[in-house]
Each structure stands twice: as C-alpha cells, then as structure tokens.
C-alpha atoms as a PDB file:
ATOM      1  CA  UNK A   1      91.492  97.767  32.607  1.00  0.00           C
ATOM      2  CA  UNK A   2      88.353  97.886  30.434  1.00  0.00           C
ATOM      3  CA  UNK A   3      87.030 100.853  28.473  1.00  0.00           C
ATOM      4  CA  UNK A   4      85.804 103.409  30.977  1.00  0.00           C
ATOM      5  CA  UNK A   5      82.161 104.518  30.543  1.00  0.00           C
ATOM      6  CA  UNK A   6      82.602 106.947  33.452  1.00  0.00           C
ATOM      7  CA  UNK A   7      84.812 109.242  31.378  1.00  0.00           C
ATOM      8  CA  UNK A   8      81.729 111.361  30.716  1.00  0.00           C
ATOM      9  CA  UNK A   9      81.097 111.649  34.482  1.00  0.00           C
ATOM     10  CA  UNK A  10      84.636 112.939  35.107  1.00  0.00           C
ATOM     11  CA  UNK A  11      84.702 115.240  32.066  1.00  0.00           C
ATOM     12  CA  UNK A  12      85.147 118.913  32.873  1.00  0.00           C
ATOM     13  CA  UNK A  13      85.914 118.435  36.552  1.00  0.00           C
ATOM     14  CA  UNK A  14      88.955 120.431  37.694  1.00  0.00           C
ATOM     15  CA  UNK A  15      91.944 118.391  38.822  1.00  0.00           C
ATOM     16  CA  UNK A  16      91.732 117.674  42.532  1.00  0.00           C
ATOM     17  CA  UNK A  17      87.949 117.877  42.847  1.00  0.00           C
ATOM     18  CA  UNK A  18      85.970 114.789  43.755  1.00  0.00           C
ATOM     19  CA  UNK A  19      85.459 112.536  40.754  1.00  0.00           C
ATOM     20  CA  UNK A  20      88.029 114.265  38.531  1.00  0.00           C
ATOM     21  CA  UNK A  21      89.741 110.940  37.746  1.00  0.00           C
ATOM     22  CA  UNK A  22      87.904 107.606  37.611  1.00  0.00           C
ATOM     23  CA  UNK A  23      89.794 104.307  37.693  1.00  0.00           C
ATOM     24  CA  UNK A  24      87.376 101.797  36.170  1.00  0.00           C
ATOM     25  CA  UNK A  25      87.532  98.011  36.462  1.00  0.00           C
ATOM     26  CA  UNK A  26      85.239  95.264  35.221  1.00  0.00           C
ATOM     27  CA  UNK A  27      85.887  93.209  38.355  1.00  0.00           C
ATOM     28  CA  UNK A  28      87.633  93.712  41.689  1.00  0.00           C
ATOM     29  CA  UNK A  29      87.638  91.942  44.990  1.00  0.00           C
ATOM     30  CA  UNK A  30      86.821  95.273  46.632  1.00  0.00           C
ATOM     31  CA  UNK A  31      87.010  98.916  45.539  1.00  0.00           C
ATOM     32  CA  UNK A  32      88.105  99.746  49.110  1.00  0.00           C
ATOM     33  CA  UNK A  33      91.074  97.397  48.823  1.00  0.00           C
ATOM     34  CA  UNK A  34      92.165  98.724  45.441  1.00  0.00           C
ATOM     35  CA  UNK A  35      91.718 102.351  46.484  1.00  0.00           C
ATOM     36  CA  UNK A  36      93.794 101.720  49.610  1.00  0.00           C
ATOM     37  CA  UNK A  37      96.669 100.433  47.473  1.00  0.00           C
ATOM     38  CA  UNK A  38      96.390 103.427  45.116  1.00  0.00           C
ATOM     39  CA  UNK A  39      96.311 105.864  48.029  1.00  0.00           C
ATOM     40  CA  UNK A  40      99.430 104.258  49.499  1.00  0.00           C
ATOM     41  CA  UNK A  41     101.168 104.881  46.165  1.00  0.00           C
ATOM     42  CA  UNK A  42     100.199 108.570  46.263  1.00  0.00           C
ATOM     43  CA  UNK A  43      96.856 108.808  44.455  1.00  0.00           C
ATOM     44  CA  UNK A  44      95.512 112.343  44.674  1.00  0.00           C
ATOM     45  CA  UNK A  45      92.497 113.710  46.468  1.00  0.00           C
ATOM     46  CA  UNK A  46      89.304 113.148  44.494  1.00  0.00           C
ATOM     47  CA  UNK A  47      90.363 110.074  42.554  1.00  0.00           C
ATOM     48  CA  UNK A  48      87.751 107.321  42.584  1.00  0.00           C
ATOM     49  CA  UNK A  49      87.869 103.581  41.968  1.00  0.00           C
ATOM     50  CA  UNK A  50      84.748 102.147  40.310  1.00  0.00           C
ATOM     51  CA  UNK A  51      84.044  98.486  39.576  1.00  0.00           C
ATOM     52  CA  UNK A  52      81.311  96.759  37.587  1.00  0.00           C
ATOM     53  CA  UNK A  53      81.466  93.849  40.020  1.00  0.00           C
ATOM     54  CA  UNK A  54      83.014  93.089  43.406  1.00  0.00           C
ATOM     55  CA  UNK A  55      83.786  89.532  44.412  1.00  0.00           C
ATOM     56  CA  UNK A  56      84.453  90.457  48.045  1.00  0.00           C
ATOM     57  CA  UNK A  57      82.622  93.734  48.512  1.00  0.00           C
ATOM     58  CA  UNK A  58      82.178  94.806  52.104  1.00  0.00           C
ATOM     59  CA  UNK A  59      80.293  97.387  54.054  1.00  0.00           C
ATOM     60  CA  UNK A  60      80.350  98.696  57.583  1.00  0.00           C
ATOM     61  CA  UNK A  61      81.853  96.396  60.227  1.00  0.00           C
ATOM     62  CA  UNK A  62      83.260  94.139  57.496  1.00  0.00           C
ATOM     63  CA  UNK A  63      79.877  92.819  56.392  1.00  0.00           C
ATOM     64  CA  UNK A  64      79.561  91.280  52.940  1.00  0.00           C
ATOM     65  CA  UNK A  65      77.986  93.571  50.323  1.00  0.00           C
ATOM     66  CA  UNK A  66      75.971  91.852  47.573  1.00  0.00           C
ATOM     67  CA  UNK A  67      77.743  93.039  44.396  1.00  0.00           C
ATOM     68  CA  UNK A  68      76.366  91.527  41.157  1.00  0.00           C
ATOM     69  CA  UNK A  69      77.845  92.748  37.851  1.00  0.00           C
ATOM     70  CA  UNK A  70      76.652  95.495  35.542  1.00  0.00           C
ATOM     71  CA  UNK A  71      73.669  96.895  37.426  1.00  0.00           C
ATOM     72  CA  UNK A  72      74.794  98.967  40.400  1.00  0.00           C
ATOM     73  CA  UNK A  73      77.377 101.536  41.487  1.00  0.00           C
ATOM     74  CA  UNK A  74      80.358 100.389  43.534  1.00  0.00           C
ATOM     75  CA  UNK A  75      82.971 103.057  44.169  1.00  0.00           C
ATOM     76  CA  UNK A  76      85.595 104.240  46.631  1.00  0.00           C
ATOM     77  CA  UNK A  77      86.696 107.872  46.752  1.00  0.00           C
ATOM     78  CA  UNK A  78      90.166 108.843  47.931  1.00  0.00           C
ATOM     79  CA  UNK A  79      89.837 111.951  50.094  1.00  0.00           C
ATOM     80  CA  UNK A  80      92.684 113.858  51.714  1.00  0.00           C
ATOM     81  CA  UNK A  81      91.074 116.331  54.132  1.00  0.00           C
ATOM     82  CA  UNK A  82      92.954 118.268  56.776  1.00  0.00           C
ATOM     83  CA  UNK A  83      90.953 116.920  59.689  1.00  0.00           C
ATOM     84  CA  UNK A  84      91.642 115.265  63.036  1.00  0.00           C
ATOM     85  CA  UNK A  85      91.455 111.485  62.748  1.00  0.00           C
ATOM     86  CA  UNK A  86      88.485 111.453  65.119  1.00  0.00           C
ATOM     87  CA  UNK A  87      86.420 113.500  62.650  1.00  0.00           C
ATOM     88  CA  UNK A  88      87.008 111.258  59.621  1.00  0.00           C
ATOM     89  CA  UNK A  89      83.884 109.194  60.328  1.00  0.00           C
ATOM     90  CA  UNK A  90      81.736 112.303  59.878  1.00  0.00           C
ATOM     91  CA  UNK A  91      82.462 112.132  56.164  1.00  0.00           C
ATOM     92  CA  UNK A  92      80.170 109.115  55.879  1.00  0.00           C
ATOM     93  CA  UNK A  93      77.303 111.316  57.097  1.00  0.00           C
ATOM     94  CA  UNK A  94      78.323 114.112  54.738  1.00  0.00           C
ATOM     95  CA  UNK A  95      78.394 111.600  51.893  1.00  0.00           C
ATOM     96  CA  UNK A  96      74.937 110.434  52.932  1.00  0.00           C
ATOM     97  CA  UNK A  97      73.532 113.868  52.168  1.00  0.00           C
ATOM     98  CA  UNK A  98      75.230 113.941  48.762  1.00  0.00           C
ATOM     99  CA  UNK A  99      73.987 110.435  47.932  1.00  0.00           C
ATOM    100  CA  UNK A 100      70.435 111.295  48.983  1.00  0.00           C
ATOM    101  CA  UNK A 101      70.455 114.432  46.839  1.00  0.00           C
ATOM    102  CA  UNK A 102      71.762 112.490  43.840  1.00  0.00           C
ATOM    103  CA  UNK A 103      69.250 109.677  44.349  1.00  0.00           C
ATOM    104  CA  UNK A 104      66.427 112.245  44.478  1.00  0.00           C
ATOM    105  CA  UNK A 105      67.040 112.889  40.786  1.00  0.00           C
ATOM    106  CA  UNK A 106      66.014 109.303  39.910  1.00  0.00           C
ATOM    107  CA  UNK A 107      63.761 108.363  42.842  1.00  0.00           C
ATOM    108  CA  UNK A 108      62.092 111.561  44.052  1.00  0.00           C
ATOM    109  CA  UNK A 109      60.273 111.774  47.404  1.00  0.00           C
ATOM    110  CA  UNK A 110      61.179 108.275  48.606  1.00  0.00           C
ATOM    111  CA  UNK A 111      64.845 108.763  49.621  1.00  0.00           C
ATOM    112  CA  UNK A 112      65.806 108.608  53.296  1.00  0.00           C
ATOM    113  CA  UNK A 113      68.928 108.135  55.419  1.00  0.00           C
ATOM    114  CA  UNK A 114      69.165 105.664  58.291  1.00  0.00           C
ATOM    115  CA  UNK A 115      71.898 106.562  60.758  1.00  0.00           C
ATOM    116  CA  UNK A 116      74.755 106.035  60.470  1.00  0.00           C
ATOM    117  CA  UNK A 117      75.317 104.913  56.883  1.00  0.00           C
ATOM    118  CA  UNK A 118      72.295 103.403  55.104  1.00  0.00           C
ATOM    119  CA  UNK A 119      70.399 104.868  52.143  1.00  0.00           C
ATOM    120  CA  UNK A 120      66.725 103.919  51.923  1.00  0.00           C
ATOM    121  CA  UNK A 121      64.190 104.029  49.124  1.00  0.00           C
ATOM    122  CA  UNK A 122      60.595 103.610  50.207  1.00  0.00           C
ATOM    123  CA  UNK A 123      61.637 102.188  53.575  1.00  0.00           C
ATOM    124  CA  UNK A 124      64.098  99.599  52.251  1.00  0.00           C
ATOM    125  CA  UNK A 125      67.869  99.689  52.005  1.00  0.00           C
ATOM    126  CA  UNK A 126      69.259 100.671  48.608  1.00  0.00           C
ATOM    127  CA  UNK A 127      72.771 101.730  49.519  1.00  0.00           C
ATOM    128  CA  UNK A 128      75.514 101.896  52.079  1.00  0.00           C
ATOM    129  CA  UNK A 129      78.464 104.138  52.889  1.00  0.00           C
ATOM    130  CA  UNK A 130      81.721 103.420  54.689  1.00  0.00           C
ATOM    131  CA  UNK A 131      84.464 105.897  55.654  1.00  0.00           C
ATOM    132  CA  UNK A 132      87.815 104.346  56.606  1.00  0.00           C
ATOM    133  CA  UNK A 133      90.549 106.529  58.054  1.00  0.00           C
ATOM    134  CA  UNK A 134      94.148 105.811  57.006  1.00  0.00           C
ATOM    135  CA  UNK A 135      96.869 107.277  59.224  1.00  0.00           C
ATOM    136  CA  UNK A 136     100.547 107.981  58.627  1.00  0.00           C
ATOM    137  CA  UNK A 137     103.542 107.053  60.775  1.00  0.00           C
ATOM    138  CA  UNK A 138     102.813 110.013  63.050  1.00  0.00           C
ATOM    139  CA  UNK A 139      99.191 108.846  63.536  1.00  0.00           C
ATOM    140  CA  UNK A 140      97.881 111.789  61.553  1.00  0.00           C
ATOM    141  CA  UNK A 141      95.111 111.429  58.977  1.00  0.00           C
ATOM    142  CA  UNK A 142      96.686 110.540  55.624  1.00  0.00           C
ATOM    143  CA  UNK A 143      93.440 109.962  53.757  1.00  0.00           C
ATOM    144  CA  UNK A 144      89.875 108.727  54.018  1.00  0.00           C
ATOM    145  CA  UNK A 145      88.641 105.885  51.835  1.00  0.00           C
ATOM    146  CA  UNK A 146      84.979 106.693  51.253  1.00  0.00           C
ATOM    147  CA  UNK A 147      83.168 103.654  49.889  1.00  0.00           C
ATOM    148  CA  UNK A 148      79.677 103.966  48.395  1.00  0.00           C
ATOM    149  CA  UNK A 149      77.539 101.115  47.115  1.00  0.00           C
ATOM    150  CA  UNK A 150      74.179 101.849  45.484  1.00  0.00           C
ATOM    151  CA  UNK A 151      71.566  99.420  44.170  1.00  0.00           C
ATOM    152  CA  UNK A 152      70.429 101.008  40.939  1.00  0.00           C
ATOM    153  CA  UNK A 153      69.235  98.626  38.230  1.00  0.00           C
ATOM    154  CA  UNK A 154      69.074  95.460  40.316  1.00  0.00           C
ATOM    155  CA  UNK A 155      65.861  93.634  39.348  1.00  0.00           C
ATOM    156  CA  UNK A 156      63.558  92.658  42.242  1.00  0.00           C
ATOM    157  CA  UNK A 157      63.929  88.959  41.431  1.00  0.00           C
ATOM    158  CA  UNK A 158      67.726  89.259  41.647  1.00  0.00           C
ATOM    159  CA  UNK A 159      67.704  90.554  45.204  1.00  0.00           C
ATOM    160  CA  UNK A 160      68.728  87.640  47.458  1.00  0.00           C
ATOM    161  CA  UNK A 161      65.649  85.973  48.941  1.00  0.00           C
ATOM    162  CA  UNK A 162      66.836  86.566  52.499  1.00  0.00           C
ATOM    163  CA  UNK A 163      67.084  90.333  51.810  1.00  0.00           C
ATOM    164  CA  UNK A 164      63.879  90.980  49.851  1.00  0.00           C
ATOM    165  CA  UNK A 165      61.896  92.208  52.845  1.00  0.00           C
ATOM    166  CA  UNK A 166      64.456  94.933  53.598  1.00  0.00           C
ATOM    167  CA  UNK A 167      66.465  95.650  50.421  1.00  0.00           C
ATOM    168  CA  UNK A 168      65.563  97.366  47.167  1.00  0.00           C
ATOM    169  CA  UNK A 169      66.983  99.246  44.176  1.00  0.00           C
ATOM    170  CA  UNK A 170      66.052 102.302  42.147  1.00  0.00           C
ATOM    171  CA  UNK A 171      64.474 100.097  39.484  1.00  0.00           C
ATOM    172  CA  UNK A 172      62.624  97.955  42.022  1.00  0.00           C
ATOM    173  CA  UNK A 173      61.325 101.009  43.889  1.00  0.00           C
ATOM    174  CA  UNK A 174      60.362 103.158  40.888  1.00  0.00           C
ATOM    175  CA  UNK A 175      59.793 100.663  38.065  1.00  0.00           C
ATOM    176  CA  UNK A 176      62.329 102.546  35.940  1.00  0.00           C
ATOM    177  CA  UNK A 177      66.000 101.874  35.180  1.00  0.00           C
ATOM    178  CA  UNK A 178      68.450 104.713  35.697  1.00  0.00           C
ATOM    179  CA  UNK A 179      71.544 105.827  33.822  1.00  0.00           C
ATOM    180  CA  UNK A 180      74.362 104.795  36.154  1.00  0.00           C
ATOM    181  CA  UNK A 181      76.947 107.119  34.624  1.00  0.00           C
ATOM    182  CA  UNK A 182      74.614 110.103  34.747  1.00  0.00           C
ATOM    183  CA  UNK A 183      73.828 109.356  38.387  1.00  0.00           C
ATOM    184  CA  UNK A 184      77.552 109.054  39.137  1.00  0.00           C
ATOM    185  CA  UNK A 185      78.070 112.515  37.680  1.00  0.00           C
ATOM    186  CA  UNK A 186      75.360 113.895  39.970  1.00  0.00           C
ATOM    187  CA  UNK A 187      76.971 112.152  42.911  1.00  0.00           C
ATOM    188  CA  UNK A 188      80.450 113.504  42.130  1.00  0.00           C
ATOM    189  CA  UNK A 189      79.142 117.074  41.933  1.00  0.00           C
ATOM    190  CA  UNK A 190      77.034 116.923  45.068  1.00  0.00           C
ATOM    191  CA  UNK A 191      79.698 115.117  47.068  1.00  0.00           C
ATOM    192  CA  UNK A 192      82.306 117.698  46.127  1.00  0.00           C
ATOM    193  CA  UNK A 193      79.950 120.530  47.092  1.00  0.00           C
ATOM    194  CA  UNK A 194      78.981 119.030  50.454  1.00  0.00           C
ATOM    195  CA  UNK A 195      82.593 118.097  51.206  1.00  0.00           C
ATOM    196  CA  UNK A 196      83.802 121.668  50.618  1.00  0.00           C
ATOM    197  CA  UNK A 197      80.915 122.990  52.683  1.00  0.00           C
ATOM    198  CA  UNK A 198      81.982 120.723  55.562  1.00  0.00           C
ATOM    199  CA  UNK A 199      85.624 121.782  55.377  1.00  0.00           C
ATOM    200  CA  UNK A 200      84.633 125.418  55.704  1.00  0.00           C
ATOM    201  CA  UNK A 201      81.751 125.125  58.180  1.00  0.00           C
ATOM    202  CA  UNK A 202      82.054 121.748  59.866  1.00  0.00           C
ATOM    203  CA  UNK A 203      79.372 119.086  59.965  1.00  0.00           C
ATOM    204  CA  UNK A 204      76.969 121.703  61.327  1.00  0.00           C
ATOM    205  CA  UNK A 205      76.829 123.144  57.804  1.00  0.00           C
ATOM    206  CA  UNK A 206      75.249 119.986  56.353  1.00  0.00           C
ATOM    207  CA  UNK A 207      73.453 118.726  59.443  1.00  0.00           C
ATOM    208  CA  UNK A 208      70.083 120.376  58.540  1.00  0.00           C
ATOM    209  CA  UNK A 209      70.118 118.612  55.167  1.00  0.00           C
ATOM    210  CA  UNK A 210      70.878 115.279  56.847  1.00  0.00           C
ATOM    211  CA  UNK A 211      67.986 115.833  59.252  1.00  0.00           C
ATOM    212  CA  UNK A 212      65.604 116.450  56.346  1.00  0.00           C
ATOM    213  CA  UNK A 213      66.367 112.983  54.996  1.00  0.00           C
ATOM    214  CA  UNK A 214      66.416 111.216  58.362  1.00  0.00           C
ATOM    215  CA  UNK A 215      64.437 107.974  58.463  1.00  0.00           C
ATOM    216  CA  UNK A 216      64.781 107.760  62.239  1.00  0.00           C
ATOM    217  CA  UNK A 217      63.721 111.056  63.801  1.00  0.00           C
ATOM    218  CA  UNK A 218      60.642 110.543  65.946  1.00  0.00           C
ATOM    219  CA  UNK A 219      60.779 106.752  65.730  1.00  0.00           C
ATOM    220  CA  UNK A 220      61.301 104.173  68.443  1.00  0.00           C
ATOM    221  CA  UNK A 221      64.574 102.298  67.981  1.00  0.00           C
ATOM    222  CA  UNK A 222      66.909  99.926  69.742  1.00  0.00           C
ATOM    223  CA  UNK A 223      70.663 100.487  69.445  1.00  0.00           C
ATOM    224  CA  UNK A 224      73.047  97.595  70.069  1.00  0.00           C
ATOM    225  CA  UNK A 225      76.776  98.197  70.427  1.00  0.00           C
ATOM    226  CA  UNK A 226      78.616  95.093  71.549  1.00  0.00           C
ATOM    227  CA  UNK A 227      77.024  94.049  74.832  1.00  0.00           C
ATOM    228  CA  UNK A 228      75.348  97.443  75.291  1.00  0.00           C
ATOM    229  CA  UNK A 229      71.677  97.853  74.410  1.00  0.00           C
ATOM    230  CA  UNK A 230      69.517 100.970  74.671  1.00  0.00           C
ATOM    231  CA  UNK A 231      65.984 101.738  73.463  1.00  0.00           C
ATOM    232  CA  UNK A 232      64.347 105.099  72.963  1.00  0.00           C
ATOM    233  CA  UNK A 233      62.933 107.651  70.543  1.00  0.00           C
ATOM    234  CA  UNK A 234      65.266 109.388  68.087  1.00  0.00           C
ATOM    235  CA  UNK A 235      65.420 113.157  68.591  1.00  0.00           C
ATOM    236  CA  UNK A 236      67.847 113.824  65.713  1.00  0.00           C
ATOM    237  CA  UNK A 237      71.615 113.941  65.334  1.00  0.00           C
ATOM    238  CA  UNK A 238      74.164 116.171  67.043  1.00  0.00           C
ATOM    239  CA  UNK A 239      76.684 118.531  65.494  1.00  0.00           C
ATOM    240  CA  UNK A 240      79.289 115.797  65.966  1.00  0.00           C
ATOM    241  CA  UNK A 241      77.160 113.218  64.133  1.00  0.00           C
ATOM    242  CA  UNK A 242      75.995 111.403  67.274  1.00  0.00           C
ATOM    243  CA  UNK A 243      72.495 109.934  67.270  1.00  0.00           C
ATOM    244  CA  UNK A 244      70.367 111.719  69.886  1.00  0.00           C
ATOM    245  CA  UNK A 245      68.096 109.282  71.675  1.00  0.00           C
ATOM    246  CA  UNK A 246      65.387 110.200  74.203  1.00  0.00           C
ATOM    247  CA  UNK A 247      65.451 107.374  76.725  1.00  0.00           C
ATOM    248  CA  UNK A 248      64.104 107.259  80.279  1.00  0.00           C
ATOM    249  CA  UNK A 249      63.573 111.002  80.481  1.00  0.00           C
ATOM    250  CA  UNK A 250      66.981 112.064  79.212  1.00  0.00           C
ATOM    251  CA  UNK A 251      68.791 112.529  75.910  1.00  0.00           C
ATOM    252  CA  UNK A 252      71.527 109.996  75.271  1.00  0.00           C
ATOM    253  CA  UNK A 253      74.250 110.538  72.679  1.00  0.00           C
ATOM    254  CA  UNK A 254      74.976 107.376  70.686  1.00  0.00           C
ATOM    255  CA  UNK A 255      78.259 107.359  68.766  1.00  0.00           C
ATOM    256  CA  UNK A 256      78.161 103.843  67.313  1.00  0.00           C
ATOM    257  CA  UNK A 257      75.953 100.790  67.075  1.00  0.00           C
ATOM    258  CA  UNK A 258      73.407  98.849  65.050  1.00  0.00           C
ATOM    259  CA  UNK A 259      69.978 100.458  64.950  1.00  0.00           C
ATOM    260  CA  UNK A 260      66.781  98.451  64.620  1.00  0.00           C
ATOM    261  CA  UNK A 261      63.498 100.279  64.130  1.00  0.00           C
ATOM    262  CA  UNK A 262      60.234  99.115  65.597  1.00  0.00           C
ATOM    263  CA  UNK A 263      57.925  98.100  62.736  1.00  0.00           C
ATOM    264  CA  UNK A 264      60.468  99.082  60.070  1.00  0.00           C
ATOM    265  CA  UNK A 265      59.584  96.294  57.647  1.00  0.00           C
ATOM    266  CA  UNK A 266      55.921  95.725  58.536  1.00  0.00           C
END
C-alpha cells in the first residue's frame, strides 16, 4: 500500500464516523470489490477504500467506469446502518445530496443530480454513485457498499471521444483544478451529516435538498426498465426515492430504470 495522502482528510474524525479510516491504494481492479472483501472480514462502519486508479471500475448495472490514474476520486464507503434491506438503495440518493454539496465548494451553481445516481456539472455527467446491499445468512442487511466516482481533474482532451458530448470534470467545467484530498474531506463530513440525518428522520429529511439539485424536475423524459418504456414529465421524487412522472394524466411512481432527457445534450 502506498503512502496515503488522504490521512489529512481522515484526521480528527471520531472512530466510527464516515471517513474516519481511509485505506488507500495506487491501483485496484475495483474499490467495490476490495471494500466487499474488507467488509466480509469485519471492517467497521465508516471505513473507506480509495484508489488512484481502477482497472475494472464499475458503476450502476455493472457498467464500466472510466478510471484513469491520479486525477479523480474513486472510493467505496463501508456503511452498517440498521435498515431493512429494501431501504439500502435510498443511501445512493442520500449520498447524492452529500456529493452535490461537496462539489458546490469547487464548482458553484452548476451542480445537479440526475435520478437515480448521476452527478452533473453544467448539464454533463461528472460522477456516479452505487449502493450495493450485502446480506447475512438470515437475509438481514449486513452492510452497504457505497461507491462514489467523481471526475475532478480529468482534462477535457482525456475524456474518451465517445463520451465528450455528455461527460465532464470539475476542471473541464470550471477551468480550474481542485484539491482532491480537500474535496474528499468535504465529502466525508457532508456524507456523515446527511447519513445521520437519514437514520433519524428517514429519506424525507434529505428529500428537499435532493429536490433542490434535481436536474429532472419539470423536464420531459423517457424511462426504460427492461422491456418497459414510459414517457412523461418529472414531478419530483417521492419520500421512498421513487421518481414521480406525470404521464397520460396521472402520476406514475418509477422505482428503477434508465432515464433519457429530451434535448439533454443539445
């Protein structure tokens, strides 16, 4: 394991809070994979695995995540909430609020959240979040592996050609590099705060903040989930994290699916 620059981000955090212990690696196949192994061996709540580079990084639905070395943030947080398994996915939305608040410190007024797990800067994707539930032998929630990938100092010319019309980074969007360790510290603090708020008040406690960052509310979208396809106008999100879609004179609750936005990249 290489020298850990994130020691300053974990400094002063009480044991057991999010980000109190950072496991740092120069290269991993996937922070999710490594964090899963650590969690299985008993890693505590709040520990986080961070890598400079991932050779097999993945996002939602197993999609490949572009993970070049030394410029971005790739991390997986080990969380051990006392929640029903069905509510574990809500933590990706909670994390979205914390990420947006942290990103505001380096890219003010251009941060938005695209349901369910994308972080946008100026209308282009700059980050993704994945929450994977791990259950025990009794099918109870043992932990949640919360993966967060953020494009921070990725130069515009290093964004893959096929992604340049819909992907960006803090540096590409603002013209300024950001201190990755300092941003990580902001993220740890805000994630811990929003997590505790959710445990005490449910997702309803952070829902208004999520709505403020929503990139979808009021926009026409199409949601595809397997062979199902529905189009409508986004009315917001529900207290259970469902996307609320006005379609054919009624409000439809969408729990999963890929969302495409009309004119999103025009």
